[in-house]
Amino acid sequence: KQLAFIRTQGGRGAAFPLLEPRHVSWEIWLADVETGEGYKLWKAPE
């Protein structure tokens, strides 16, 4: 009855410095299979 999935950033961001390590964000989402509606259950520390 439910789907869990991982959500990461889409698109292409700004031209940040290449030599500077950066956090890659991700979240765990939970969705109802029948309605397709979902919500963010957890977000990784930044």
PDB file of all heavy atoms in Angstrom:
ATOM      1  N   LYS A   1       0.802  -1.228   0.000  1.00  0.00           N
ATOM      2  CA  LYS A   1       0.000   0.000   0.000  1.00  0.00           C
ATOM      3  C   LYS A   1       0.833   1.275   0.000  1.00  0.00           C
ATOM      4  O   LYS A   1       0.292   2.362  -0.244  1.00  0.00           O
ATOM      5  CB  LYS A   1      -0.928   0.000   1.216  1.00  0.00           C
ATOM      6  CG  LYS A   1      -1.979  -1.101   1.182  1.00  0.00           C
ATOM      7  CD  LYS A   1      -2.873  -1.050   2.421  1.00  0.00           C
ATOM      8  CE  LYS A   1      -3.941  -2.136   2.362  1.00  0.00           C
ATOM      9  NZ  LYS A   1      -4.825  -2.100   3.560  1.00  0.00           N
ATOM     10  N   GLN A   2       2.120   1.173   0.268  1.00  0.00           N
ATOM     11  CA  GLN A   2       2.987   2.349   0.314  1.00  0.00           C
ATOM     12  C   GLN A   2       4.260   2.104  -0.492  1.00  0.00           C
ATOM     13  O   GLN A   2       4.689   0.975  -0.703  1.00  0.00           O
ATOM     14  CB  GLN A   2       3.358   2.681   1.764  1.00  0.00           C
ATOM     15  CG  GLN A   2       2.203   3.148   2.633  1.00  0.00           C
ATOM     16  CD  GLN A   2       2.664   3.409   4.058  1.00  0.00           C
ATOM     17  OE1 GLN A   2       3.216   2.521   4.707  1.00  0.00           O
ATOM     18  NE2 GLN A   2       2.442   4.614   4.537  1.00  0.00           N
ATOM     19  N   LEU A   3       4.843   3.201  -0.916  1.00  0.00           N
ATOM     20  CA  LEU A   3       6.165   3.181  -1.531  1.00  0.00           C
ATOM     21  C   LEU A   3       7.062   4.157  -0.779  1.00  0.00           C
ATOM     22  O   LEU A   3       6.652   5.296  -0.506  1.00  0.00           O
ATOM     23  CB  LEU A   3       6.110   3.605  -2.996  1.00  0.00           C
ATOM     24  CG  LEU A   3       5.771   2.567  -4.070  1.00  0.00           C
ATOM     25  CD1 LEU A   3       5.758   3.241  -5.433  1.00  0.00           C
ATOM     26  CD2 LEU A   3       6.773   1.422  -4.063  1.00  0.00           C
ATOM     27  N   ALA A   4       8.264   3.709  -0.451  1.00  0.00           N
ATOM     28  CA  ALA A   4       9.298   4.611   0.042  1.00  0.00           C
ATOM     29  C   ALA A   4      10.307   4.797  -1.080  1.00  0.00           C
ATOM     30  O   ALA A   4      10.563   3.868  -1.857  1.00  0.00           O
ATOM     31  CB  ALA A   4       9.977   4.027   1.275  1.00  0.00           C
ATOM     32  N   PHE A   5      10.875   5.986  -1.198  1.00  0.00           N
ATOM     33  CA  PHE A   5      11.889   6.220  -2.222  1.00  0.00           C
ATOM     34  C   PHE A   5      12.823   7.332  -1.764  1.00  0.00           C
ATOM     35  O   PHE A   5      12.539   8.051  -0.790  1.00  0.00           O
ATOM     36  CB  PHE A   5      11.259   6.557  -3.581  1.00  0.00           C
ATOM     37  CG  PHE A   5      10.356   7.762  -3.583  1.00  0.00           C
ATOM     38  CD1 PHE A   5      10.855   9.024  -3.859  1.00  0.00           C
ATOM     39  CD2 PHE A   5       8.994   7.624  -3.320  1.00  0.00           C
ATOM     40  CE1 PHE A   5      10.019  10.136  -3.875  1.00  0.00           C
ATOM     41  CE2 PHE A   5       8.147   8.722  -3.331  1.00  0.00           C
ATOM     42  CZ  PHE A   5       8.669   9.988  -3.604  1.00  0.00           C
ATOM     43  N   ILE A   6      13.926   7.458  -2.446  1.00  0.00           N
ATOM     44  CA  ILE A   6      14.921   8.492  -2.135  1.00  0.00           C
ATOM     45  C   ILE A   6      14.781   9.618  -3.144  1.00  0.00           C
ATOM     46  O   ILE A   6      14.641   9.380  -4.352  1.00  0.00           O
ATOM     47  CB  ILE A   6      16.338   7.901  -2.147  1.00  0.00           C
ATOM     48  CG1 ILE A   6      16.516   6.959  -0.953  1.00  0.00           C
ATOM     49  CG2 ILE A   6      17.392   9.004  -2.123  1.00  0.00           C
ATOM     50  CD1 ILE A   6      17.808   6.187  -0.957  1.00  0.00           C
ATOM     51  N   ARG A   7      14.816  10.844  -2.640  1.00  0.00           N
ATOM     52  CA  ARG A   7      14.707  12.027  -3.500  1.00  0.00           C
ATOM     53  C   ARG A   7      15.990  12.850  -3.371  1.00  0.00           C
ATOM     54  O   ARG A   7      16.407  13.199  -2.262  1.00  0.00           O
ATOM     55  CB  ARG A   7      13.482  12.849  -3.115  1.00  0.00           C
ATOM     56  CG  ARG A   7      13.355  14.179  -3.854  1.00  0.00           C
ATOM     57  CD  ARG A   7      11.926  14.727  -3.742  1.00  0.00           C
ATOM     58  NE  ARG A   7      10.999  13.965  -4.599  1.00  0.00           N
ATOM     59  CZ  ARG A   7       9.694  14.222  -4.698  1.00  0.00           C
ATOM     60  NH1 ARG A   7       9.146  15.195  -3.980  1.00  0.00           N
ATOM     61  NH2 ARG A   7       8.928  13.494  -5.505  1.00  0.00           N
ATOM     62  N   THR A   8      16.604  13.135  -4.518  1.00  0.00           N
ATOM     63  CA  THR A   8      17.785  13.993  -4.563  1.00  0.00           C
ATOM     64  C   THR A   8      17.483  15.208  -5.438  1.00  0.00           C
ATOM     65  O   THR A   8      16.421  15.287  -6.060  1.00  0.00           O
ATOM     66  CB  THR A   8      19.001  13.234  -5.115  1.00  0.00           C
ATOM     67  OG1 THR A   8      18.755  12.871  -6.482  1.00  0.00           O
ATOM     68  CG2 THR A   8      19.276  11.972  -4.303  1.00  0.00           C
ATOM     69  N   GLN A   9      18.421  16.128  -5.512  1.00  0.00           N
ATOM     70  CA  GLN A   9      18.193  17.356  -6.280  1.00  0.00           C
ATOM     71  C   GLN A   9      18.146  17.071  -7.774  1.00  0.00           C
ATOM     72  O   GLN A   9      18.826  16.173  -8.280  1.00  0.00           O
ATOM     73  CB  GLN A   9      19.293  18.369  -5.985  1.00  0.00           C
ATOM     74  CG  GLN A   9      19.208  18.961  -4.580  1.00  0.00           C
ATOM     75  CD  GLN A   9      20.304  19.980  -4.335  1.00  0.00           C
ATOM     76  OE1 GLN A   9      21.471  19.687  -4.463  1.00  0.00           O
ATOM     77  NE2 GLN A   9      19.909  21.191  -3.965  1.00  0.00           N
ATOM     78  N   GLY A  10      17.341  17.830  -8.488  1.00  0.00           N
ATOM     79  CA  GLY A  10      17.254  17.732  -9.935  1.00  0.00           C
ATOM     80  C   GLY A  10      17.859  18.963 -10.584  1.00  0.00           C
ATOM     81  O   GLY A  10      18.392  19.856  -9.926  1.00  0.00           O
ATOM     82  N   GLY A  11      17.745  19.021 -11.912  1.00  0.00           N
ATOM     83  CA  GLY A  11      18.229  20.184 -12.642  1.00  0.00           C
ATOM     84  C   GLY A  11      19.736  20.344 -12.558  1.00  0.00           C
ATOM     85  O   GLY A  11      20.478  19.443 -12.171  1.00  0.00           O
ATOM     86  N   ARG A  12      20.174  21.547 -12.918  1.00  0.00           N
ATOM     87  CA  ARG A  12      21.592  21.888 -12.853  1.00  0.00           C
ATOM     88  C   ARG A  12      21.740  23.158 -12.035  1.00  0.00           C
ATOM     89  O   ARG A  12      21.110  24.174 -12.328  1.00  0.00           O
ATOM     90  CB  ARG A  12      22.165  22.084 -14.262  1.00  0.00           C
ATOM     91  CG  ARG A  12      23.662  22.339 -14.280  1.00  0.00           C
ATOM     92  CD  ARG A  12      24.177  22.435 -15.705  1.00  0.00           C
ATOM     93  NE  ARG A  12      23.598  23.576 -16.410  1.00  0.00           N
ATOM     94  CZ  ARG A  12      23.821  23.861 -17.683  1.00  0.00           C
ATOM     95  NH1 ARG A  12      24.567  23.047 -18.409  1.00  0.00           N
ATOM     96  NH2 ARG A  12      23.272  24.915 -18.253  1.00  0.00           N
ATOM     97  N   GLY A  13      22.565  23.106 -11.007  1.00  0.00           N
ATOM     98  CA  GLY A  13      22.703  24.238 -10.106  1.00  0.00           C
ATOM     99  C   GLY A  13      23.696  25.278 -10.597  1.00  0.00           C
ATOM    100  O   GLY A  13      24.165  25.246 -11.739  1.00  0.00           O
ATOM    101  N   ALA A  14      23.998  26.197  -9.719  1.00  0.00           N
ATOM    102  CA  ALA A  14      24.939  27.268 -10.028  1.00  0.00           C
ATOM    103  C   ALA A  14      26.345  26.702 -10.220  1.00  0.00           C
ATOM    104  O   ALA A  14      26.648  25.574  -9.813  1.00  0.00           O
ATOM    105  CB  ALA A  14      24.942  28.300  -8.899  1.00  0.00           C
ATOM    106  N   ALA A  15      27.211  27.496 -10.822  1.00  0.00           N
ATOM    107  CA  ALA A  15      28.595  27.088 -11.080  1.00  0.00           C
ATOM    108  C   ALA A  15      29.430  27.323  -9.822  1.00  0.00           C
ATOM    109  O   ALA A  15      30.221  28.268  -9.728  1.00  0.00           O
ATOM    110  CB  ALA A  15      29.151  27.857 -12.272  1.00  0.00           C
ATOM    111  N   PHE A  16      29.243  26.461  -8.842  1.00  0.00           N
ATOM    112  CA  PHE A  16      29.996  26.580  -7.595  1.00  0.00           C
ATOM    113  C   PHE A  16      31.466  26.231  -7.826  1.00  0.00           C
ATOM    114  O   PHE A  16      31.806  25.550  -8.804  1.00  0.00           O
ATOM    115  CB  PHE A  16      29.409  25.638  -6.541  1.00  0.00           C
ATOM    116  CG  PHE A  16      28.033  26.023  -6.072  1.00  0.00           C
ATOM    117  CD1 PHE A  16      26.932  25.224  -6.358  1.00  0.00           C
ATOM    118  CD2 PHE A  16      27.834  27.196  -5.350  1.00  0.00           C
ATOM    119  CE1 PHE A  16      25.661  25.569  -5.931  1.00  0.00           C
ATOM    120  CE2 PHE A  16      26.564  27.553  -4.919  1.00  0.00           C
ATOM    121  CZ  PHE A  16      25.477  26.747  -5.211  1.00  0.00           C
ATOM    122  N   PRO A  17      32.335  26.645  -6.926  1.00  0.00           N
ATOM    123  CA  PRO A  17      33.761  26.297  -7.061  1.00  0.00           C
ATOM    124  C   PRO A  17      33.962  24.787  -7.164  1.00  0.00           C
ATOM    125  O   PRO A  17      33.377  24.009  -6.412  1.00  0.00           O
ATOM    126  CB  PRO A  17      34.382  26.860  -5.779  1.00  0.00           C
ATOM    127  CG  PRO A  17      33.484  27.990  -5.391  1.00  0.00           C
ATOM    128  CD  PRO A  17      32.100  27.555  -5.784  1.00  0.00           C
ATOM    129  N   LEU A  18      34.795  24.371  -8.101  1.00  0.00           N
ATOM    130  CA  LEU A  18      34.995  22.954  -8.371  1.00  0.00           C
ATOM    131  C   LEU A  18      35.851  22.269  -7.315  1.00  0.00           C
ATOM    132  O   LEU A  18      35.716  21.063  -7.083  1.00  0.00           O
ATOM    133  CB  LEU A  18      35.647  22.793  -9.746  1.00  0.00           C
ATOM    134  CG  LEU A  18      34.812  23.287 -10.929  1.00  0.00           C
ATOM    135  CD1 LEU A  18      35.661  23.363 -12.187  1.00  0.00           C
ATOM    136  CD2 LEU A  18      33.623  22.365 -11.158  1.00  0.00           C
ATOM    137  N   LEU A  19      36.728  23.023  -6.689  1.00  0.00           N
ATOM    138  CA  LEU A  19      37.667  22.438  -5.732  1.00  0.00           C
ATOM    139  C   LEU A  19      37.160  22.484  -4.298  1.00  0.00           C
ATOM    140  O   LEU A  19      37.874  22.105  -3.377  1.00  0.00           O
ATOM    141  CB  LEU A  19      39.017  23.161  -5.821  1.00  0.00           C
ATOM    142  CG  LEU A  19      39.716  23.066  -7.177  1.00  0.00           C
ATOM    143  CD1 LEU A  19      40.954  23.957  -7.208  1.00  0.00           C
ATOM    144  CD2 LEU A  19      40.091  21.622  -7.484  1.00  0.00           C
ATOM    145  N   GLU A  20      35.933  22.922  -4.126  1.00  0.00           N
ATOM    146  CA  GLU A  20      35.355  23.041  -2.791  1.00  0.00           C
ATOM    147  C   GLU A  20      34.373  21.897  -2.543  1.00  0.00           C
ATOM    148  O   GLU A  20      33.352  21.794  -3.220  1.00  0.00           O
ATOM    149  CB  GLU A  20      34.623  24.383  -2.690  1.00  0.00           C
ATOM    150  CG  GLU A  20      33.943  24.632  -1.363  1.00  0.00           C
ATOM    151  CD  GLU A  20      33.186  25.951  -1.363  1.00  0.00           C
ATOM    152  OE1 GLU A  20      33.827  26.985  -1.640  1.00  0.00           O
ATOM    153  OE2 GLU A  20      31.966  25.944  -1.124  1.00  0.00           O
ATOM    154  N   PRO A  21      34.654  20.994  -1.592  1.00  0.00           N
ATOM    155  CA  PRO A  21      33.714  19.901  -1.305  1.00  0.00           C
ATOM    156  C   PRO A  21      32.353  20.442  -0.883  1.00  0.00           C
ATOM    157  O   PRO A  21      32.275  21.406  -0.117  1.00  0.00           O
ATOM    158  CB  PRO A  21      34.388  19.148  -0.151  1.00  0.00           C
ATOM    159  CG  PRO A  21      35.827  19.532  -0.208  1.00  0.00           C
ATOM    160  CD  PRO A  21      35.846  20.940  -0.720  1.00  0.00           C
ATOM    161  N   ARG A  22      31.285  19.818  -1.387  1.00  0.00           N
ATOM    162  CA  ARG A  22      29.945  20.290  -1.087  1.00  0.00           C
ATOM    163  C   ARG A  22      29.055  19.122  -0.683  1.00  0.00           C
ATOM    164  O   ARG A  22      29.208  17.999  -1.164  1.00  0.00           O
ATOM    165  CB  ARG A  22      29.327  21.008  -2.297  1.00  0.00           C
ATOM    166  CG  ARG A  22      30.091  22.225  -2.773  1.00  0.00           C
ATOM    167  CD  ARG A  22      29.317  22.959  -3.863  1.00  0.00           C
ATOM    168  NE  ARG A  22      28.091  23.525  -3.340  1.00  0.00           N
ATOM    169  CZ  ARG A  22      28.027  24.684  -2.677  1.00  0.00           C
ATOM    170  NH1 ARG A  22      29.129  25.384  -2.454  1.00  0.00           N
ATOM    171  NH2 ARG A  22      26.876  25.139  -2.244  1.00  0.00           N
ATOM    172  N   HIS A  23      28.120  19.410   0.194  1.00  0.00           N
ATOM    173  CA  HIS A  23      27.125  18.426   0.609  1.00  0.00           C
ATOM    174  C   HIS A  23      26.199  18.078  -0.552  1.00  0.00           C
ATOM    175  O   HIS A  23      25.753  18.954  -1.297  1.00  0.00           O
ATOM    176  CB  HIS A  23      26.302  19.000   1.775  1.00  0.00           C
ATOM    177  CG  HIS A  23      25.067  18.211   2.103  1.00  0.00           C
ATOM    178  ND1 HIS A  23      25.112  16.967   2.689  1.00  0.00           N
ATOM    179  CD2 HIS A  23      23.742  18.492   1.906  1.00  0.00           C
ATOM    180  CE1 HIS A  23      23.876  16.519   2.859  1.00  0.00           C
ATOM    181  NE2 HIS A  23      23.031  17.422   2.396  1.00  0.00           N
ATOM    182  N   VAL A  24      25.908  16.782  -0.715  1.00  0.00           N
ATOM    183  CA  VAL A  24      24.940  16.307  -1.708  1.00  0.00           C
ATOM    184  C   VAL A  24      23.694  15.869  -0.937  1.00  0.00           C
ATOM    185  O   VAL A  24      23.701  14.852  -0.244  1.00  0.00           O
ATOM    186  CB  VAL A  24      25.511  15.137  -2.527  1.00  0.00           C
ATOM    187  CG1 VAL A  24      24.479  14.659  -3.545  1.00  0.00           C
ATOM    188  CG2 VAL A  24      26.808  15.544  -3.211  1.00  0.00           C
ATOM    189  N   SER A  25      22.633  16.654  -1.060  1.00  0.00           N
ATOM    190  CA  SER A  25      21.452  16.435  -0.227  1.00  0.00           C
ATOM    191  C   SER A  25      20.633  15.244  -0.707  1.00  0.00           C
ATOM    192  O   SER A  25      20.631  14.889  -1.888  1.00  0.00           O
ATOM    193  CB  SER A  25      20.579  17.692  -0.209  1.00  0.00           C
ATOM    194  OG  SER A  25      20.020  17.928  -1.490  1.00  0.00           O
ATOM    195  N   TRP A  26      19.913  14.607   0.240  1.00  0.00           N
ATOM    196  CA  TRP A  26      18.977  13.535  -0.095  1.00  0.00           C
ATOM    197  C   TRP A  26      17.947  13.388   1.010  1.00  0.00           C
ATOM    198  O   TRP A  26      18.191  13.763   2.160  1.00  0.00           O
ATOM    199  CB  TRP A  26      19.697  12.221  -0.376  1.00  0.00           C
ATOM    200  CG  TRP A  26      20.477  11.615   0.758  1.00  0.00           C
ATOM    201  CD1 TRP A  26      21.626  12.088   1.316  1.00  0.00           C
ATOM    202  CD2 TRP A  26      20.168  10.398   1.449  1.00  0.00           C
ATOM    203  NE1 TRP A  26      22.065  11.251   2.314  1.00  0.00           N
ATOM    204  CE2 TRP A  26      21.196  10.198   2.414  1.00  0.00           C
ATOM    205  CE3 TRP A  26      19.149   9.459   1.343  1.00  0.00           C
ATOM    206  CZ2 TRP A  26      21.205   9.097   3.268  1.00  0.00           C
ATOM    207  CZ3 TRP A  26      19.171   8.354   2.191  1.00  0.00           C
ATOM    208  CH2 TRP A  26      20.197   8.188   3.135  1.00  0.00           C
ATOM    209  N   GLU A  27      16.799  12.882   0.613  1.00  0.00           N
ATOM    210  CA  GLU A  27      15.668  12.731   1.526  1.00  0.00           C
ATOM    211  C   GLU A  27      15.013  11.371   1.305  1.00  0.00           C
ATOM    212  O   GLU A  27      15.095  10.809   0.208  1.00  0.00           O
ATOM    213  CB  GLU A  27      14.625  13.830   1.267  1.00  0.00           C
ATOM    214  CG  GLU A  27      15.163  15.242   1.398  1.00  0.00           C
ATOM    215  CD  GLU A  27      14.271  16.280   0.731  1.00  0.00           C
ATOM    216  OE1 GLU A  27      13.314  15.878   0.005  1.00  0.00           O
ATOM    217  OE2 GLU A  27      14.542  17.484   0.909  1.00  0.00           O
ATOM    218  N   ILE A  28      14.362  10.875   2.326  1.00  0.00           N
ATOM    219  CA  ILE A  28      13.534   9.676   2.200  1.00  0.00           C
ATOM    220  C   ILE A  28      12.073  10.108   2.217  1.00  0.00           C
ATOM    221  O   ILE A  28      11.627  10.813   3.141  1.00  0.00           O
ATOM    222  CB  ILE A  28      13.809   8.671   3.327  1.00  0.00           C
ATOM    223  CG1 ILE A  28      15.247   8.155   3.226  1.00  0.00           C
ATOM    224  CG2 ILE A  28      12.821   7.502   3.270  1.00  0.00           C
ATOM    225  CD1 ILE A  28      15.647   7.227   4.350  1.00  0.00           C
ATOM    226  N   TRP A  29      11.337   9.719   1.186  1.00  0.00           N
ATOM    227  CA  TRP A  29       9.928  10.076   1.041  1.00  0.00           C
ATOM    228  C   TRP A  29       9.059   8.826   1.183  1.00  0.00           C
ATOM    229  O   TRP A  29       9.497   7.707   0.880  1.00  0.00           O
ATOM    230  CB  TRP A  29       9.686  10.722  -0.329  1.00  0.00           C
ATOM    231  CG  TRP A  29      10.037  12.187  -0.341  1.00  0.00           C
ATOM    232  CD1 TRP A  29      11.254  12.752  -0.081  1.00  0.00           C
ATOM    233  CD2 TRP A  29       9.148  13.269  -0.604  1.00  0.00           C
ATOM    234  NE1 TRP A  29      11.190  14.116  -0.173  1.00  0.00           N
ATOM    235  CE2 TRP A  29       9.908  14.467  -0.493  1.00  0.00           C
ATOM    236  CE3 TRP A  29       7.792  13.358  -0.931  1.00  0.00           C
ATOM    237  CZ2 TRP A  29       9.346  15.723  -0.699  1.00  0.00           C
ATOM    238  CZ3 TRP A  29       7.228  14.612  -1.136  1.00  0.00           C
ATOM    239  CH2 TRP A  29       7.999  15.771  -1.009  1.00  0.00           C
ATOM    240  N   LEU A  30       7.841   9.056   1.625  1.00  0.00           N
ATOM    241  CA  LEU A  30       6.862   7.981   1.769  1.00  0.00           C
ATOM    242  C   LEU A  30       5.597   8.393   1.023  1.00  0.00           C
ATOM    243  O   LEU A  30       5.124   9.521   1.173  1.00  0.00           O
ATOM    244  CB  LEU A  30       6.553   7.734   3.246  1.00  0.00           C
ATOM    245  CG  LEU A  30       5.712   6.492   3.571  1.00  0.00           C
ATOM    246  CD1 LEU A  30       6.476   5.230   3.200  1.00  0.00           C
ATOM    247  CD2 LEU A  30       5.363   6.481   5.061  1.00  0.00           C
ATOM    248  N   ALA A  31       5.053   7.483   0.212  1.00  0.00           N
ATOM    249  CA  ALA A  31       3.886   7.825  -0.605  1.00  0.00           C
ATOM    250  C   ALA A  31       2.822   6.741  -0.507  1.00  0.00           C
ATOM    251  O   ALA A  31       3.117   5.555  -0.328  1.00  0.00           O
ATOM    252  CB  ALA A  31       4.300   8.006  -2.063  1.00  0.00           C
ATOM    253  N   ASP A  32       1.579   7.170  -0.641  1.00  0.00           N
ATOM    254  CA  ASP A  32       0.437   6.265  -0.700  1.00  0.00           C
ATOM    255  C   ASP A  32       0.282   5.789  -2.138  1.00  0.00           C
ATOM    256  O   ASP A  32       0.206   6.599  -3.068  1.00  0.00           O
ATOM    257  CB  ASP A  32      -0.826   6.991  -0.234  1.00  0.00           C
ATOM    258  CG  ASP A  32      -2.045   6.095  -0.254  1.00  0.00           C
ATOM    259  OD1 ASP A  32      -2.713   6.037  -1.299  1.00  0.00           O
ATOM    260  OD2 ASP A  32      -2.312   5.445   0.781  1.00  0.00           O
ATOM    261  N   VAL A  33       0.246   4.481  -2.350  1.00  0.00           N
ATOM    262  CA  VAL A  33       0.195   3.934  -3.701  1.00  0.00           C
ATOM    263  C   VAL A  33      -1.108   4.295  -4.401  1.00  0.00           C
ATOM    264  O   VAL A  33      -1.122   4.618  -5.594  1.00  0.00           O
ATOM    265  CB  VAL A  33       0.375   2.399  -3.657  1.00  0.00           C
ATOM    266  CG1 VAL A  33       0.048   1.766  -5.003  1.00  0.00           C
ATOM    267  CG2 VAL A  33       1.802   2.054  -3.246  1.00  0.00           C
ATOM    268  N   GLU A  34      -2.225   4.286  -3.692  1.00  0.00           N
ATOM    269  CA  GLU A  34      -3.525   4.540  -4.316  1.00  0.00           C
ATOM    270  C   GLU A  34      -3.673   5.985  -4.764  1.00  0.00           C
ATOM    271  O   GLU A  34      -4.119   6.256  -5.880  1.00  0.00           O
ATOM    272  CB  GLU A  34      -4.647   4.178  -3.346  1.00  0.00           C
ATOM    273  CG  GLU A  34      -6.034   4.307  -3.964  1.00  0.00           C
ATOM    274  CD  GLU A  34      -7.135   3.839  -3.028  1.00  0.00           C
ATOM    275  OE1 GLU A  34      -6.818   3.252  -1.974  1.00  0.00           O
ATOM    276  OE2 GLU A  34      -8.310   4.071  -3.356  1.00  0.00           O
ATOM    277  N   THR A  35      -3.275   6.935  -3.912  1.00  0.00           N
ATOM    278  CA  THR A  35      -3.454   8.350  -4.252  1.00  0.00           C
ATOM    279  C   THR A  35      -2.244   8.941  -4.969  1.00  0.00           C
ATOM    280  O   THR A  35      -2.366   9.957  -5.653  1.00  0.00           O
ATOM    281  CB  THR A  35      -3.716   9.171  -2.982  1.00  0.00           C
ATOM    282  OG1 THR A  35      -2.539   9.161  -2.154  1.00  0.00           O
ATOM    283  CG2 THR A  35      -4.895   8.610  -2.210  1.00  0.00           C
ATOM    284  N   GLY A  36      -1.066   8.340  -4.772  1.00  0.00           N
ATOM    285  CA  GLY A  36       0.153   8.886  -5.345  1.00  0.00           C
ATOM    286  C   GLY A  36       0.732  10.037  -4.554  1.00  0.00           C
ATOM    287  O   GLY A  36       1.777  10.580  -4.919  1.00  0.00           O
ATOM    288  N   GLU A  37       0.058  10.432  -3.478  1.00  0.00           N
ATOM    289  CA  GLU A  37       0.547  11.556  -2.681  1.00  0.00           C
ATOM    290  C   GLU A  37       1.630  11.083  -1.713  1.00  0.00           C
ATOM    291  O   GLU A  37       1.525  10.019  -1.099  1.00  0.00           O
ATOM    292  CB  GLU A  37      -0.611  12.191  -1.916  1.00  0.00           C
ATOM    293  CG  GLU A  37      -1.659  12.830  -2.816  1.00  0.00           C
ATOM    294  CD  GLU A  37      -2.800  13.450  -2.016  1.00  0.00           C
ATOM    295  OE1 GLU A  37      -2.764  13.362  -0.771  1.00  0.00           O
ATOM    296  OE2 GLU A  37      -3.716  14.011  -2.648  1.00  0.00           O
ATOM    297  N   GLY A  38       2.666  11.919  -1.583  1.00  0.00           N
ATOM    298  CA  GLY A  38       3.768  11.557  -0.710  1.00  0.00           C
ATOM    299  C   GLY A  38       4.226  12.724   0.144  1.00  0.00           C
ATOM    300  O   GLY A  38       3.822  13.868  -0.067  1.00  0.00           O
ATOM    301  N   TYR A  39       5.088  12.407   1.102  1.00  0.00           N
ATOM    302  CA  TYR A  39       5.639  13.446   1.961  1.00  0.00           C
ATOM    303  C   TYR A  39       7.052  13.076   2.379  1.00  0.00           C
ATOM    304  O   TYR A  39       7.442  11.899   2.360  1.00  0.00           O
ATOM    305  CB  TYR A  39       4.762  13.655   3.190  1.00  0.00           C
ATOM    306  CG  TYR A  39       4.721  12.482   4.145  1.00  0.00           C
ATOM    307  CD1 TYR A  39       5.552  12.425   5.266  1.00  0.00           C
ATOM    308  CD2 TYR A  39       3.837  11.420   3.930  1.00  0.00           C
ATOM    309  CE1 TYR A  39       5.508  11.343   6.132  1.00  0.00           C
ATOM    310  CE2 TYR A  39       3.783  10.346   4.795  1.00  0.00           C
ATOM    311  CZ  TYR A  39       4.623  10.310   5.901  1.00  0.00           C
ATOM    312  OH  TYR A  39       4.582   9.235   6.759  1.00  0.00           O
ATOM    313  N   LYS A  40       7.817  14.096   2.749  1.00  0.00           N
ATOM    314  CA  LYS A  40       9.193  13.887   3.185  1.00  0.00           C
ATOM    315  C   LYS A  40       9.189  13.313   4.591  1.00  0.00           C
ATOM    316  O   LYS A  40       8.692  13.931   5.523  1.00  0.00           O
ATOM    317  CB  LYS A  40       9.965  15.204   3.143  1.00  0.00           C
ATOM    318  CG  LYS A  40      11.413  15.085   3.592  1.00  0.00           C
ATOM    319  CD  LYS A  40      12.165  16.392   3.400  1.00  0.00           C
ATOM    320  CE  LYS A  40      11.583  17.509   4.256  1.00  0.00           C
ATOM    321  NZ  LYS A  40      12.301  18.775   4.089  1.00  0.00           N
ATOM    322  N   LEU A  41       9.739  12.125   4.750  1.00  0.00           N
ATOM    323  CA  LEU A  41       9.789  11.468   6.049  1.00  0.00           C
ATOM    324  C   LEU A  41      11.059  11.806   6.807  1.00  0.00           C
ATOM    325  O   LEU A  41      11.055  11.929   8.030  1.00  0.00           O
ATOM    326  CB  LEU A  41       9.682   9.952   5.847  1.00  0.00           C
ATOM    327  CG  LEU A  41       9.687   9.072   7.091  1.00  0.00           C
ATOM    328  CD1 LEU A  41       8.506   9.404   8.003  1.00  0.00           C
ATOM    329  CD2 LEU A  41       9.656   7.599   6.689  1.00  0.00           C
ATOM    330  N   TRP A  42      12.167  11.969   6.071  1.00  0.00           N
ATOM    331  CA  TRP A  42      13.471  12.194   6.710  1.00  0.00           C
ATOM    332  C   TRP A  42      14.388  12.912   5.735  1.00  0.00           C
ATOM    333  O   TRP A  42      14.321  12.677   4.528  1.00  0.00           O
ATOM    334  CB  TRP A  42      14.078  10.845   7.106  1.00  0.00           C
ATOM    335  CG  TRP A  42      15.455  10.898   7.701  1.00  0.00           C
ATOM    336  CD1 TRP A  42      15.784  11.101   9.004  1.00  0.00           C
ATOM    337  CD2 TRP A  42      16.698  10.737   7.001  1.00  0.00           C
ATOM    338  NE1 TRP A  42      17.153  11.070   9.163  1.00  0.00           N
ATOM    339  CE2 TRP A  42      17.736  10.835   7.950  1.00  0.00           C
ATOM    340  CE3 TRP A  42      17.036  10.504   5.664  1.00  0.00           C
ATOM    341  CZ2 TRP A  42      19.084  10.732   7.607  1.00  0.00           C
ATOM    342  CZ3 TRP A  42      18.379  10.390   5.317  1.00  0.00           C
ATOM    343  CH2 TRP A  42      19.380  10.503   6.287  1.00  0.00           C
ATOM    344  N   LYS A  43      15.231  13.778   6.268  1.00  0.00           N
ATOM    345  CA  LYS A  43      16.230  14.474   5.457  1.00  0.00           C
ATOM    346  C   LYS A  43      17.598  14.263   6.063  1.00  0.00           C
ATOM    347  O   LYS A  43      17.781  14.362   7.284  1.00  0.00           O
ATOM    348  CB  LYS A  43      15.930  15.971   5.378  1.00  0.00           C
ATOM    349  CG  LYS A  43      16.909  16.737   4.478  1.00  0.00           C
ATOM    350  CD  LYS A  43      16.542  18.200   4.365  1.00  0.00           C
ATOM    351  CE  LYS A  43      17.507  18.927   3.438  1.00  0.00           C
ATOM    352  NZ  LYS A  43      17.175  20.368   3.314  1.00  0.00           N
ATOM    353  N   ALA A  44      18.580  13.969   5.228  1.00  0.00           N
ATOM    354  CA  ALA A  44      19.939  13.726   5.703  1.00  0.00           C
ATOM    355  C   ALA A  44      20.539  14.995   6.286  1.00  0.00           C
ATOM    356  O   ALA A  44      20.244  16.109   5.827  1.00  0.00           O
ATOM    357  CB  ALA A  44      20.808  13.227   4.551  1.00  0.00           C
ATOM    358  N   PRO A  45      21.402  14.861   7.298  1.00  0.00           N
ATOM    359  CA  PRO A  45      22.101  16.037   7.838  1.00  0.00           C
ATOM    360  C   PRO A  45      22.869  16.753   6.733  1.00  0.00           C
ATOM    361  O   PRO A  45      23.461  16.116   5.857  1.00  0.00           O
ATOM    362  CB  PRO A  45      23.060  15.424   8.862  1.00  0.00           C
ATOM    363  CG  PRO A  45      22.464  14.106   9.230  1.00  0.00           C
ATOM    364  CD  PRO A  45      21.775  13.619   7.991  1.00  0.00           C
ATOM    365  N   GLU A  46      22.849  18.079   6.778  1.00  0.00           N
ATOM    366  CA  GLU A  46      23.495  18.870   5.727  1.00  0.00           C
ATOM    367  C   GLU A  46      24.981  19.033   6.032  1.00  0.00           C
ATOM    368  O   GLU A  46      25.492  20.135   6.248  1.00  0.00           O
ATOM    369  CB  GLU A  46      22.782  20.214   5.581  1.00  0.00           C
ATOM    370  CG  GLU A  46      21.351  20.053   5.082  1.00  0.00           C
ATOM    371  CD  GLU A  46      20.648  21.385   4.862  1.00  0.00           C
ATOM    372  OE1 GLU A  46      21.318  22.436   4.962  1.00  0.00           O
ATOM    373  OE2 GLU A  46      19.444  21.381   4.594  1.00  0.00           O
TER     374      GLU A  46
END
